[in-house]
Structure formats: structure tokens, C-alpha cells
Amino acid sequence: MARIRFAIAQDAGALIEIMKQYIETPITLEYEVPSIAEMEVQILAVSHAYPFLVIENDDEVIGFAFAHRDLDQPALSWNAELRAYINLNQRGHGYGFKAMEVLIDILRLQNVQNVYSNVTEGNPRSESLHRKLGFVCCGTMHKTGFKNGRWLDVNLLERRISDEKFETEPLPFIPVKKVDKKKLQEIFDKVNASIKD
């Protein structure tokens, strides 16, 4: 049975195996798979302030998704970039969609106002996923990524996730470690009850 939970450092090896499936594709603009130690550091660093999730099915990690602060400027603290990777043989079950929904629900509790994703050209699955989640394209960075011998466009997608009227000062960003644990558990319980294998 599939479920979504917070990632822990011990998930690093499984996440690397998933990344290996994407590293030769334009879906990620990374050139190299991180080491286990590097992935452990990434999980812990992200998890300090933002949600880092894994999707597992029968205790096997089949995907991961996380949010992070895209630009390190104080006035942009209420925005986050989202990323998700699903084991290639597990795509099509809605796991990525569910994980992104959980990220967004948690980010709302953190007072995040807007979420963004970068999608490279030639990635129709990701484009479709983001459309279903309510993202819209807000721009294209033309020929900005170079991978596998060619230049790639990158579309910047955005979604406003708050009901903020943008007339007053926003509530402060709350690191995920300080979000009410009961509210987090409610999010996980709801999504895990809705996942169909």
C-alpha cells in the first residue's frame, strides 16, 4: 500500500536510485547523481525549513518531492519552488500529484503565498501534472539549459496558494519543523487514505 511521509536521511540511497533514472534526460538539468552523503545533507538541509517527502509502496521508496527557497532574498521568503521525481515504472498512478498536493498544503501552513516549478521543454508529463494542480506558465527562459548536446528552453510555472489579498504585511514564514504537528498529521492521514494503488 502506498503512502507519503517525511523523508529521513536513511532514504538517501533510494532517492539516488530514482535520480539515476532521470540523470540522462532533460527532465533534470543536473549532470551528476549526488553521493549518498550529499543526498543525506540535502534531505537534512531542506527539511530544516521546508517539507521533503517520500512516496513509498510496500515499504519501497518509489518517489520523492520537496520544496525549497529558490532565491535567498528576504523579500522572497513567502515563495517556494517545488520538485518531484517518481520511479519511472511507477508513473501514471497519481503519486506525483498527491505528493505535490501535500507539499502545497504544508506550505500553506507555513504562510507561503506562491509556488513555482521549472519544467524543461519536452516534458509533457510534468506540464500536464502542473496544469492539473492549477499552475500557469508565467514565462519561458529560452535556450537557457544545456544538456545532452543541446540547448533547452525552461518554462517557469506559478501558482498562488494563499487567499491573501496582498493589502497588508504577510504573516511570517514558519519553518516546517515549527508547524503544528497535529495539522501535519491530518494532511498525511487525508492524503494517505485517498491513495489508490
N, C-alpha and C. Protein backbone atom coordinates (compact mmCIF):
# COMPACT_ATOMS: atom_id res chain seq x y z
N MET A 1 0.84 -1.19 0.00
CA MET A 1 0.00 0.00 0.00
C MET A 1 0.88 1.25 0.00
N ALA A 2 0.53 2.22 -0.83
CA ALA A 2 1.34 3.43 -0.97
C ALA A 2 1.01 4.44 0.12
N ARG A 3 2.01 5.20 0.52
CA ARG A 3 1.80 6.27 1.48
C ARG A 3 2.88 7.33 1.29
N ILE A 4 2.60 8.52 1.78
CA ILE A 4 3.53 9.65 1.72
C ILE A 4 3.91 10.00 3.14
N ARG A 5 5.19 10.28 3.34
CA ARG A 5 5.70 10.65 4.66
C ARG A 5 6.87 11.60 4.48
N PHE A 6 7.35 12.15 5.59
CA PHE A 6 8.55 12.98 5.54
C PHE A 6 9.77 12.09 5.27
N ALA A 7 10.69 12.63 4.49
CA ALA A 7 11.95 11.93 4.22
C ALA A 7 12.85 11.98 5.45
N ILE A 8 13.69 10.97 5.57
CA ILE A 8 14.74 10.93 6.59
C ILE A 8 16.06 10.67 5.88
N ALA A 9 17.16 10.94 6.55
CA ALA A 9 18.49 10.80 5.92
C ALA A 9 18.70 9.38 5.39
N GLN A 10 18.13 8.38 6.06
CA GLN A 10 18.32 6.98 5.63
C GLN A 10 17.64 6.68 4.30
N ASP A 11 16.83 7.59 3.78
CA ASP A 11 16.21 7.41 2.47
C ASP A 11 17.16 7.77 1.33
N ALA A 12 18.31 8.32 1.63
CA ALA A 12 19.20 8.88 0.61
C ALA A 12 19.51 7.88 -0.51
N GLY A 13 19.86 6.66 -0.16
CA GLY A 13 20.21 5.66 -1.18
C GLY A 13 19.08 5.40 -2.15
N ALA A 14 17.86 5.30 -1.64
CA ALA A 14 16.70 5.05 -2.50
C ALA A 14 16.43 6.25 -3.41
N LEU A 15 16.62 7.46 -2.90
CA LEU A 15 16.40 8.66 -3.71
C LEU A 15 17.42 8.75 -4.84
N ILE A 16 18.64 8.34 -4.55
CA ILE A 16 19.67 8.34 -5.58
C ILE A 16 19.32 7.37 -6.70
N GLU A 17 18.78 6.22 -6.35
CA GLU A 17 18.39 5.25 -7.38
C GLU A 17 17.30 5.82 -8.29
N ILE A 18 16.41 6.60 -7.73
CA ILE A 18 15.38 7.26 -8.54
C ILE A 18 16.02 8.34 -9.41
N MET A 19 16.91 9.14 -8.84
CA MET A 19 17.59 10.19 -9.62
C MET A 19 18.36 9.61 -10.80
N LYS A 20 18.95 8.44 -10.63
CA LYS A 20 19.72 7.82 -11.71
C LYS A 20 18.88 7.63 -12.96
N GLN A 21 17.58 7.41 -12.78
CA GLN A 21 16.70 7.19 -13.93
C GLN A 21 16.49 8.47 -14.74
N TYR A 22 16.72 9.61 -14.13
CA TYR A 22 16.46 10.89 -14.78
C TYR A 22 17.72 11.60 -15.26
N ILE A 23 18.87 11.18 -14.78
CA ILE A 23 20.08 11.99 -14.97
C ILE A 23 20.48 12.13 -16.44
N GLU A 24 20.15 11.17 -17.28
CA GLU A 24 20.49 11.28 -18.70
C GLU A 24 19.39 11.96 -19.52
N THR A 25 18.33 12.37 -18.86
CA THR A 25 17.21 13.00 -19.56
C THR A 25 17.23 14.52 -19.35
N PRO A 26 16.48 15.26 -20.17
CA PRO A 26 16.37 16.71 -19.94
C PRO A 26 15.39 17.07 -18.83
N ILE A 27 14.77 16.07 -18.20
CA ILE A 27 13.81 16.34 -17.13
C ILE A 27 14.50 17.03 -15.96
N THR A 28 15.72 16.61 -15.66
CA THR A 28 16.52 17.33 -14.67
C THR A 28 17.70 17.98 -15.38
N LEU A 29 18.09 19.14 -14.92
CA LEU A 29 19.25 19.80 -15.50
C LEU A 29 20.52 19.50 -14.73
N GLU A 30 20.43 18.57 -13.78
CA GLU A 30 21.63 18.07 -13.09
C GLU A 30 22.45 17.24 -14.06
N TYR A 31 23.76 17.27 -13.89
CA TYR A 31 24.65 16.46 -14.72
C TYR A 31 25.05 15.15 -14.03
N GLU A 32 25.11 15.19 -12.70
CA GLU A 32 25.60 14.03 -11.96
C GLU A 32 24.67 13.68 -10.81
N VAL A 33 24.59 12.39 -10.52
CA VAL A 33 23.83 11.92 -9.37
C VAL A 33 24.65 12.22 -8.12
N PRO A 34 24.04 12.76 -7.08
CA PRO A 34 24.80 13.03 -5.85
C PRO A 34 25.22 11.75 -5.16
N SER A 35 26.21 11.87 -4.32
CA SER A 35 26.61 10.73 -3.48
C SER A 35 25.57 10.57 -2.37
N ILE A 36 25.65 9.44 -1.67
CA ILE A 36 24.73 9.23 -0.55
C ILE A 36 24.93 10.33 0.50
N ALA A 37 26.18 10.65 0.79
CA ALA A 37 26.44 11.70 1.79
C ALA A 37 25.86 13.04 1.34
N GLU A 38 26.01 13.37 0.06
CA GLU A 38 25.46 14.64 -0.44
C GLU A 38 23.93 14.65 -0.37
N MET A 39 23.31 13.52 -0.69
CA MET A 39 21.86 13.45 -0.63
C MET A 39 21.37 13.53 0.82
N GLU A 40 22.09 12.89 1.74
CA GLU A 40 21.72 13.00 3.16
C GLU A 40 21.76 14.46 3.61
N VAL A 41 22.81 15.17 3.21
CA VAL A 41 22.92 16.59 3.56
C VAL A 41 21.77 17.38 2.97
N GLN A 42 21.41 17.09 1.71
CA GLN A 42 20.30 17.80 1.07
C GLN A 42 18.99 17.55 1.81
N ILE A 43 18.72 16.30 2.15
CA ILE A 43 17.48 15.98 2.87
C ILE A 43 17.43 16.76 4.18
N LEU A 44 18.51 16.72 4.95
CA LEU A 44 18.52 17.39 6.25
C LEU A 44 18.46 18.91 6.11
N ALA A 45 19.16 19.46 5.12
CA ALA A 45 19.16 20.91 4.93
C ALA A 45 17.78 21.42 4.52
N VAL A 46 17.16 20.75 3.56
CA VAL A 46 15.82 21.16 3.12
C VAL A 46 14.82 20.99 4.26
N SER A 47 14.88 19.85 4.94
CA SER A 47 13.89 19.51 5.98
C SER A 47 13.92 20.45 7.17
N HIS A 48 14.99 21.19 7.32
CA HIS A 48 15.06 22.15 8.42
C HIS A 48 13.99 23.23 8.29
N ALA A 49 13.70 23.64 7.04
CA ALA A 49 12.75 24.73 6.83
C ALA A 49 11.55 24.35 5.96
N TYR A 50 11.72 23.37 5.06
CA TYR A 50 10.69 23.05 4.08
C TYR A 50 10.35 21.56 4.10
N PRO A 51 9.19 21.19 3.57
CA PRO A 51 8.84 19.77 3.51
C PRO A 51 9.65 19.02 2.45
N PHE A 52 10.18 17.88 2.83
CA PHE A 52 10.86 16.95 1.92
C PHE A 52 10.16 15.61 2.14
N LEU A 53 9.49 15.14 1.11
CA LEU A 53 8.62 13.97 1.22
C LEU A 53 9.16 12.79 0.43
N VAL A 54 8.78 11.59 0.87
CA VAL A 54 8.99 10.39 0.06
C VAL A 54 7.64 9.71 -0.12
N ILE A 55 7.52 9.03 -1.26
CA ILE A 55 6.36 8.20 -1.53
C ILE A 55 6.86 6.77 -1.49
N GLU A 56 6.23 5.95 -0.69
CA GLU A 56 6.65 4.56 -0.64
C GLU A 56 5.46 3.65 -0.89
N ASN A 57 5.76 2.50 -1.46
CA ASN A 57 4.75 1.50 -1.75
C ASN A 57 5.28 0.17 -1.22
N ASP A 58 4.56 -0.41 -0.27
CA ASP A 58 5.03 -1.64 0.39
C ASP A 58 6.45 -1.48 0.91
N ASP A 59 6.69 -0.37 1.58
CA ASP A 59 7.99 -0.05 2.22
C ASP A 59 9.13 0.16 1.25
N GLU A 60 8.84 0.28 -0.05
CA GLU A 60 9.87 0.62 -1.04
C GLU A 60 9.65 2.06 -1.46
N VAL A 61 10.70 2.88 -1.38
CA VAL A 61 10.58 4.28 -1.79
C VAL A 61 10.48 4.32 -3.31
N ILE A 62 9.40 4.93 -3.82
CA ILE A 62 9.17 4.98 -5.26
C ILE A 62 9.16 6.40 -5.81
N GLY A 63 9.35 7.38 -4.94
CA GLY A 63 9.40 8.75 -5.41
C GLY A 63 9.69 9.71 -4.28
N PHE A 64 9.99 10.94 -4.65
CA PHE A 64 10.21 11.98 -3.64
C PHE A 64 9.83 13.33 -4.21
N ALA A 65 9.51 14.24 -3.31
CA ALA A 65 9.14 15.60 -3.69
C ALA A 65 9.55 16.53 -2.56
N PHE A 66 9.95 17.73 -2.93
CA PHE A 66 10.35 18.68 -1.89
C PHE A 66 10.13 20.11 -2.36
N ALA A 67 10.08 20.99 -1.39
CA ALA A 67 10.01 22.43 -1.64
C ALA A 67 11.30 23.04 -1.13
N HIS A 68 11.67 24.15 -1.69
CA HIS A 68 12.83 24.88 -1.19
C HIS A 68 12.72 26.35 -1.56
N ARG A 69 13.49 27.12 -0.88
CA ARG A 69 13.54 28.56 -1.16
C ARG A 69 14.40 28.76 -2.38
N ASP A 70 13.82 29.31 -3.42
CA ASP A 70 14.52 29.42 -4.69
C ASP A 70 15.57 30.52 -4.68
N LEU A 71 15.24 31.67 -4.16
CA LEU A 71 16.15 32.81 -4.16
C LEU A 71 16.36 33.27 -2.72
N ASP A 72 17.59 33.48 -2.35
CA ASP A 72 17.92 33.79 -0.96
C ASP A 72 17.88 35.30 -0.71
N GLN A 73 16.68 35.86 -0.82
CA GLN A 73 16.49 37.28 -0.54
C GLN A 73 15.29 37.41 0.40
N PRO A 74 15.41 38.19 1.46
CA PRO A 74 14.36 38.25 2.49
C PRO A 74 12.97 38.56 1.94
N ALA A 75 12.86 39.44 0.97
CA ALA A 75 11.54 39.83 0.46
C ALA A 75 10.86 38.70 -0.32
N LEU A 76 11.60 37.63 -0.61
CA LEU A 76 11.04 36.50 -1.35
C LEU A 76 10.76 35.30 -0.45
N SER A 77 10.73 35.52 0.85
CA SER A 77 10.57 34.44 1.81
C SER A 77 9.23 33.72 1.72
N TRP A 78 8.25 34.32 1.08
CA TRP A 78 6.91 33.74 1.03
C TRP A 78 6.67 32.95 -0.26
N ASN A 79 7.73 32.55 -0.92
CA ASN A 79 7.65 31.77 -2.15
C ASN A 79 8.48 30.51 -1.99
N ALA A 80 8.12 29.47 -2.75
CA ALA A 80 8.89 28.23 -2.72
C ALA A 80 8.87 27.58 -4.10
N GLU A 81 9.94 26.90 -4.42
CA GLU A 81 10.00 26.11 -5.65
C GLU A 81 9.74 24.65 -5.29
N LEU A 82 9.01 23.95 -6.14
CA LEU A 82 8.67 22.55 -5.92
C LEU A 82 9.36 21.66 -6.94
N ARG A 83 9.75 20.46 -6.48
CA ARG A 83 10.31 19.45 -7.37
C ARG A 83 9.78 18.08 -6.97
N ALA A 84 9.61 17.21 -7.97
CA ALA A 84 9.15 15.84 -7.68
C ALA A 84 9.74 14.88 -8.70
N TYR A 85 10.11 13.70 -8.22
CA TYR A 85 10.64 12.63 -9.06
C TYR A 85 9.98 11.31 -8.65
N ILE A 86 9.44 10.60 -9.62
CA ILE A 86 8.79 9.32 -9.37
C ILE A 86 9.53 8.24 -10.14
N ASN A 87 9.74 7.08 -9.51
CA ASN A 87 10.35 5.94 -10.19
C ASN A 87 9.64 5.75 -11.53
N LEU A 88 10.41 5.62 -12.61
CA LEU A 88 9.82 5.58 -13.94
C LEU A 88 8.79 4.48 -14.12
N ASN A 89 8.98 3.34 -13.45
CA ASN A 89 8.00 2.25 -13.60
C ASN A 89 6.79 2.40 -12.68
N GLN A 90 6.72 3.53 -11.93
CA GLN A 90 5.59 3.79 -11.03
C GLN A 90 4.79 5.02 -11.48
N ARG A 91 5.15 5.59 -12.62
CA ARG A 91 4.42 6.77 -13.09
C ARG A 91 3.02 6.36 -13.57
N GLY A 92 2.11 7.32 -13.56
CA GLY A 92 0.77 7.06 -14.04
C GLY A 92 -0.23 6.66 -12.96
N HIS A 93 0.22 6.58 -11.71
CA HIS A 93 -0.67 6.21 -10.61
C HIS A 93 -1.12 7.43 -9.79
N GLY A 94 -0.66 8.61 -10.16
CA GLY A 94 -1.05 9.82 -9.43
C GLY A 94 -0.21 10.12 -8.21
N TYR A 95 0.90 9.39 -8.03
CA TYR A 95 1.73 9.62 -6.85
C TYR A 95 2.35 11.01 -6.84
N GLY A 96 2.81 11.46 -7.99
CA GLY A 96 3.41 12.80 -8.07
C GLY A 96 2.40 13.88 -7.75
N PHE A 97 1.18 13.73 -8.26
CA PHE A 97 0.11 14.68 -8.00
C PHE A 97 -0.18 14.75 -6.50
N LYS A 98 -0.32 13.61 -5.87
CA LYS A 98 -0.62 13.56 -4.43
C LYS A 98 0.51 14.19 -3.61
N ALA A 99 1.75 13.88 -3.97
CA ALA A 99 2.89 14.44 -3.23
C ALA A 99 2.93 15.95 -3.37
N MET A 100 2.66 16.46 -4.57
CA MET A 100 2.66 17.91 -4.77
C MET A 100 1.51 18.56 -3.98
N GLU A 101 0.36 17.90 -3.91
CA GLU A 101 -0.75 18.42 -3.10
C GLU A 101 -0.34 18.53 -1.64
N VAL A 102 0.35 17.52 -1.14
CA VAL A 102 0.81 17.55 0.26
C VAL A 102 1.79 18.70 0.47
N LEU A 103 2.73 18.86 -0.46
CA LEU A 103 3.67 19.98 -0.35
C LEU A 103 2.91 21.30 -0.24
N ILE A 104 1.95 21.50 -1.12
CA ILE A 104 1.20 22.75 -1.15
C ILE A 104 0.41 22.95 0.14
N ASP A 105 -0.23 21.90 0.64
CA ASP A 105 -0.99 22.01 1.89
C ASP A 105 -0.08 22.38 3.06
N ILE A 106 1.11 21.78 3.11
CA ILE A 106 2.05 22.10 4.19
C ILE A 106 2.57 23.53 4.03
N LEU A 107 2.89 23.91 2.82
CA LEU A 107 3.40 25.26 2.58
C LEU A 107 2.38 26.33 2.97
N ARG A 108 1.10 26.04 2.78
CA ARG A 108 0.07 26.99 3.24
C ARG A 108 0.18 27.20 4.76
N LEU A 109 0.39 26.12 5.49
CA LEU A 109 0.55 26.23 6.94
C LEU A 109 1.80 27.04 7.31
N GLN A 110 2.76 27.10 6.40
CA GLN A 110 3.99 27.84 6.63
C GLN A 110 3.87 29.30 6.18
N ASN A 111 2.69 29.69 5.74
CA ASN A 111 2.41 31.04 5.26
C ASN A 111 3.06 31.36 3.92
N VAL A 112 3.37 30.35 3.14
CA VAL A 112 3.88 30.57 1.79
C VAL A 112 2.71 31.04 0.91
N GLN A 113 2.99 32.01 0.06
CA GLN A 113 1.96 32.63 -0.79
C GLN A 113 1.93 32.07 -2.21
N ASN A 114 3.11 31.81 -2.77
CA ASN A 114 3.22 31.39 -4.17
C ASN A 114 4.18 30.23 -4.29
N VAL A 115 3.88 29.31 -5.21
CA VAL A 115 4.80 28.21 -5.51
C VAL A 115 5.15 28.25 -6.99
N TYR A 116 6.35 27.77 -7.28
CA TYR A 116 6.88 27.80 -8.64
C TYR A 116 7.50 26.45 -8.98
N SER A 117 7.56 26.17 -10.27
CA SER A 117 8.29 25.00 -10.76
C SER A 117 8.93 25.35 -12.09
N ASN A 118 10.10 24.81 -12.33
CA ASN A 118 10.77 24.93 -13.62
C ASN A 118 10.58 23.62 -14.36
N VAL A 119 10.08 23.69 -15.59
CA VAL A 119 9.85 22.50 -16.39
C VAL A 119 10.58 22.67 -17.71
N THR A 120 11.51 21.76 -17.99
CA THR A 120 12.24 21.83 -19.25
C THR A 120 11.37 21.39 -20.41
N GLU A 121 11.68 21.89 -21.59
CA GLU A 121 10.91 21.51 -22.78
C GLU A 121 11.02 20.00 -23.00
N GLY A 122 9.98 19.46 -23.59
CA GLY A 122 9.98 18.03 -23.87
C GLY A 122 9.62 17.18 -22.66
N ASN A 123 8.89 17.75 -21.73
CA ASN A 123 8.49 17.02 -20.52
C ASN A 123 6.97 17.14 -20.35
N PRO A 124 6.20 16.52 -21.27
CA PRO A 124 4.74 16.68 -21.24
C PRO A 124 4.09 16.15 -19.97
N ARG A 125 4.65 15.11 -19.36
CA ARG A 125 4.05 14.58 -18.11
C ARG A 125 4.07 15.65 -17.02
N SER A 126 5.21 16.33 -16.88
CA SER A 126 5.32 17.36 -15.86
C SER A 126 4.41 18.54 -16.18
N GLU A 127 4.34 18.91 -17.44
CA GLU A 127 3.46 20.02 -17.83
C GLU A 127 2.01 19.69 -17.49
N SER A 128 1.59 18.46 -17.80
CA SER A 128 0.22 18.03 -17.51
C SER A 128 -0.04 18.00 -16.00
N LEU A 129 0.90 17.47 -15.25
CA LEU A 129 0.76 17.43 -13.79
C LEU A 129 0.55 18.83 -13.22
N HIS A 130 1.38 19.76 -13.65
CA HIS A 130 1.28 21.12 -13.12
C HIS A 130 -0.03 21.79 -13.54
N ARG A 131 -0.49 21.56 -14.76
CA ARG A 131 -1.79 22.11 -15.17
C ARG A 131 -2.90 21.59 -14.27
N LYS A 132 -2.88 20.28 -13.97
CA LYS A 132 -3.90 19.68 -13.10
C LYS A 132 -3.86 20.29 -11.70
N LEU A 133 -2.69 20.71 -11.27
CA LEU A 133 -2.52 21.32 -9.95
C LEU A 133 -2.84 22.82 -9.94
N GLY A 134 -3.16 23.38 -11.11
CA GLY A 134 -3.53 24.79 -11.18
C GLY A 134 -2.40 25.75 -11.47
N PHE A 135 -1.24 25.24 -11.87
CA PHE A 135 -0.13 26.11 -12.24
C PHE A 135 -0.39 26.71 -13.62
N VAL A 136 0.15 27.90 -13.83
CA VAL A 136 0.12 28.53 -15.15
C VAL A 136 1.54 28.95 -15.51
N CYS A 137 1.79 29.02 -16.80
CA CYS A 137 3.12 29.44 -17.27
C CYS A 137 3.22 30.95 -17.14
N CYS A 138 4.29 31.40 -16.51
CA CYS A 138 4.48 32.85 -16.37
C CYS A 138 5.71 33.33 -17.13
N GLY A 139 6.31 32.42 -17.90
CA GLY A 139 7.44 32.84 -18.72
C GLY A 139 8.28 31.66 -19.18
N THR A 140 9.05 31.92 -20.21
CA THR A 140 9.97 30.92 -20.74
C THR A 140 11.36 31.49 -20.80
N MET A 141 12.30 30.76 -20.26
CA MET A 141 13.71 31.12 -20.39
C MET A 141 14.24 30.35 -21.59
N HIS A 142 14.47 31.05 -22.68
CA HIS A 142 14.81 30.41 -23.95
C HIS A 142 16.28 29.98 -24.00
N LYS A 143 16.46 28.72 -24.43
CA LYS A 143 17.80 28.15 -24.61
C LYS A 143 18.69 28.45 -23.41
N THR A 144 18.16 28.17 -22.24
CA THR A 144 18.88 28.53 -21.01
C THR A 144 19.59 27.35 -20.36
N GLY A 145 19.18 26.11 -20.69
CA GLY A 145 19.84 24.93 -20.14
C GLY A 145 20.53 24.15 -21.24
N PHE A 146 21.75 23.72 -20.99
CA PHE A 146 22.49 22.92 -21.98
C PHE A 146 22.69 21.53 -21.42
N LYS A 147 22.12 20.53 -22.10
CA LYS A 147 22.25 19.16 -21.64
C LYS A 147 22.15 18.21 -22.82
N ASN A 148 22.93 17.14 -22.76
CA ASN A 148 22.92 16.11 -23.80
C ASN A 148 23.14 16.70 -25.19
N GLY A 149 24.02 17.68 -25.26
CA GLY A 149 24.42 18.23 -26.55
C GLY A 149 23.46 19.22 -27.17
N ARG A 150 22.48 19.70 -26.40
CA ARG A 150 21.57 20.68 -27.00
C ARG A 150 21.08 21.68 -25.95
N TRP A 151 20.67 22.84 -26.46
CA TRP A 151 20.13 23.90 -25.62
C TRP A 151 18.65 23.66 -25.40
N LEU A 152 18.17 23.90 -24.18
CA LEU A 152 16.79 23.64 -23.81
C LEU A 152 16.11 24.90 -23.27
N ASP A 153 14.84 25.07 -23.63
CA ASP A 153 14.02 26.10 -23.01
C ASP A 153 13.55 25.58 -21.65
N VAL A 154 13.35 26.48 -20.73
CA VAL A 154 12.81 26.13 -19.42
C VAL A 154 11.60 27.03 -19.15
N ASN A 155 10.45 26.41 -18.93
CA ASN A 155 9.23 27.16 -18.62
C ASN A 155 9.13 27.35 -17.11
N LEU A 156 8.82 28.56 -16.71
CA LEU A 156 8.60 28.87 -15.30
C LEU A 156 7.09 28.86 -15.06
N LEU A 157 6.65 27.98 -14.16
CA LEU A 157 5.23 27.83 -13.83
C LEU A 157 4.98 28.36 -12.43
N GLU A 158 3.80 28.94 -12.22
CA GLU A 158 3.49 29.50 -10.92
C GLU A 158 2.06 29.19 -10.51
N ARG A 159 1.85 29.20 -9.18
CA ARG A 159 0.50 29.07 -8.64
C ARG A 159 0.43 29.83 -7.32
N ARG A 160 -0.56 30.66 -7.19
CA ARG A 160 -0.81 31.33 -5.91
C ARG A 160 -1.56 30.34 -5.03
N ILE A 161 -1.07 30.11 -3.82
CA ILE A 161 -1.70 29.10 -2.95
C ILE A 161 -2.37 29.70 -1.74
N SER A 162 -2.34 31.02 -1.61
CA SER A 162 -2.97 31.65 -0.45
C SER A 162 -4.17 32.47 -0.89
N ASP A 163 -4.99 32.80 0.08
CA ASP A 163 -6.12 33.68 -0.17
C ASP A 163 -5.77 35.12 0.19
N GLU A 164 -4.51 35.37 0.43
CA GLU A 164 -4.02 36.69 0.81
C GLU A 164 -4.47 37.73 -0.23
N LYS A 165 -4.95 38.87 0.25
CA LYS A 165 -5.39 39.95 -0.64
C LYS A 165 -4.22 40.86 -1.02
N PHE A 166 -3.06 40.63 -0.43
CA PHE A 166 -1.85 41.38 -0.72
C PHE A 166 -2.03 42.87 -0.43
N GLU A 167 -2.79 43.16 0.64
CA GLU A 167 -3.00 44.54 1.05
C GLU A 167 -2.29 44.84 2.36
N THR A 168 -1.87 43.81 3.07
CA THR A 168 -1.22 44.00 4.36
C THR A 168 0.08 43.19 4.39
N GLU A 169 0.86 43.43 5.42
CA GLU A 169 2.10 42.68 5.59
C GLU A 169 1.77 41.22 5.85
N PRO A 170 2.47 40.29 5.18
CA PRO A 170 2.15 38.87 5.36
C PRO A 170 2.57 38.36 6.73
N LEU A 171 1.92 37.27 7.13
CA LEU A 171 2.36 36.59 8.34
C LEU A 171 3.74 36.02 8.11
N PRO A 172 4.57 35.90 9.14
CA PRO A 172 5.93 35.41 8.94
C PRO A 172 5.96 33.96 8.45
N PHE A 173 6.98 33.66 7.67
CA PHE A 173 7.23 32.29 7.23
C PHE A 173 7.52 31.43 8.46
N ILE A 174 6.92 30.24 8.50
CA ILE A 174 7.13 29.32 9.61
C ILE A 174 7.91 28.11 9.10
N PRO A 175 9.09 27.83 9.62
CA PRO A 175 9.81 26.62 9.20
C PRO A 175 8.98 25.38 9.47
N VAL A 176 9.09 24.39 8.62
CA VAL A 176 8.25 23.19 8.74
C VAL A 176 8.41 22.51 10.09
N LYS A 177 9.58 22.61 10.68
CA LYS A 177 9.82 21.99 11.99
C LYS A 177 8.97 22.63 13.09
N LYS A 178 8.48 23.86 12.84
CA LYS A 178 7.69 24.56 13.86
C LYS A 178 6.19 24.56 13.56
N VAL A 179 5.79 23.89 12.47
CA VAL A 179 4.37 23.81 12.13
C VAL A 179 3.69 22.84 13.08
N ASP A 180 2.46 23.13 13.44
CA ASP A 180 1.67 22.30 14.34
C ASP A 180 1.66 20.84 13.86
N LYS A 181 2.17 19.94 14.69
CA LYS A 181 2.31 18.52 14.33
C LYS A 181 0.96 17.86 14.05
N LYS A 182 -0.04 18.28 14.80
CA LYS A 182 -1.38 17.70 14.59
C LYS A 182 -1.90 18.05 13.21
N LYS A 183 -1.70 19.29 12.78
CA LYS A 183 -2.15 19.71 11.45
C LYS A 183 -1.39 18.97 10.35
N LEU A 184 -0.10 18.76 10.56
CA LEU A 184 0.68 17.99 9.59
C LEU A 184 0.16 16.56 9.49
N GLN A 185 -0.11 15.96 10.64
CA GLN A 185 -0.60 14.57 10.64
C GLN A 185 -1.95 14.48 9.92
N GLU A 186 -2.78 15.48 10.10
CA GLU A 186 -4.08 15.49 9.41
C GLU A 186 -3.89 15.50 7.89
N ILE A 187 -2.91 16.26 7.42
CA ILE A 187 -2.63 16.30 5.97
C ILE A 187 -2.19 14.92 5.49
N PHE A 188 -1.26 14.29 6.22
CA PHE A 188 -0.78 12.97 5.81
C PHE A 188 -1.90 11.93 5.88
N ASP A 189 -2.70 11.96 6.95
CA ASP A 189 -3.79 10.99 7.08
C ASP A 189 -4.77 11.12 5.92
N LYS A 190 -5.11 12.35 5.57
CA LYS A 190 -6.07 12.58 4.49
C LYS A 190 -5.54 12.07 3.16
N VAL A 191 -4.31 12.43 2.82
CA VAL A 191 -3.78 12.02 1.52
C VAL A 191 -3.55 10.52 1.46
N ASN A 192 -3.04 9.94 2.54
CA ASN A 192 -2.75 8.50 2.52
C ASN A 192 -4.03 7.68 2.44
N ALA A 193 -5.12 8.19 3.00
CA ALA A 193 -6.40 7.49 2.90
C ALA A 193 -6.96 7.56 1.46
N SER A 194 -6.50 8.57 0.70
CA SER A 194 -7.04 8.77 -0.65
C SER A 194 -6.23 8.08 -1.75
N ILE A 195 -5.03 7.60 -1.40
CA ILE A 195 -4.16 7.00 -2.43
C ILE A 195 -4.69 5.62 -2.80
N LYS A 196 -4.86 5.42 -4.07
CA LYS A 196 -5.29 4.12 -4.61
C LYS A 196 -4.11 3.48 -5.31
N ASP A 197 -3.78 2.24 -4.94
CA ASP A 197 -2.67 1.54 -5.58
C ASP A 197 -3.07 1.01 -6.96
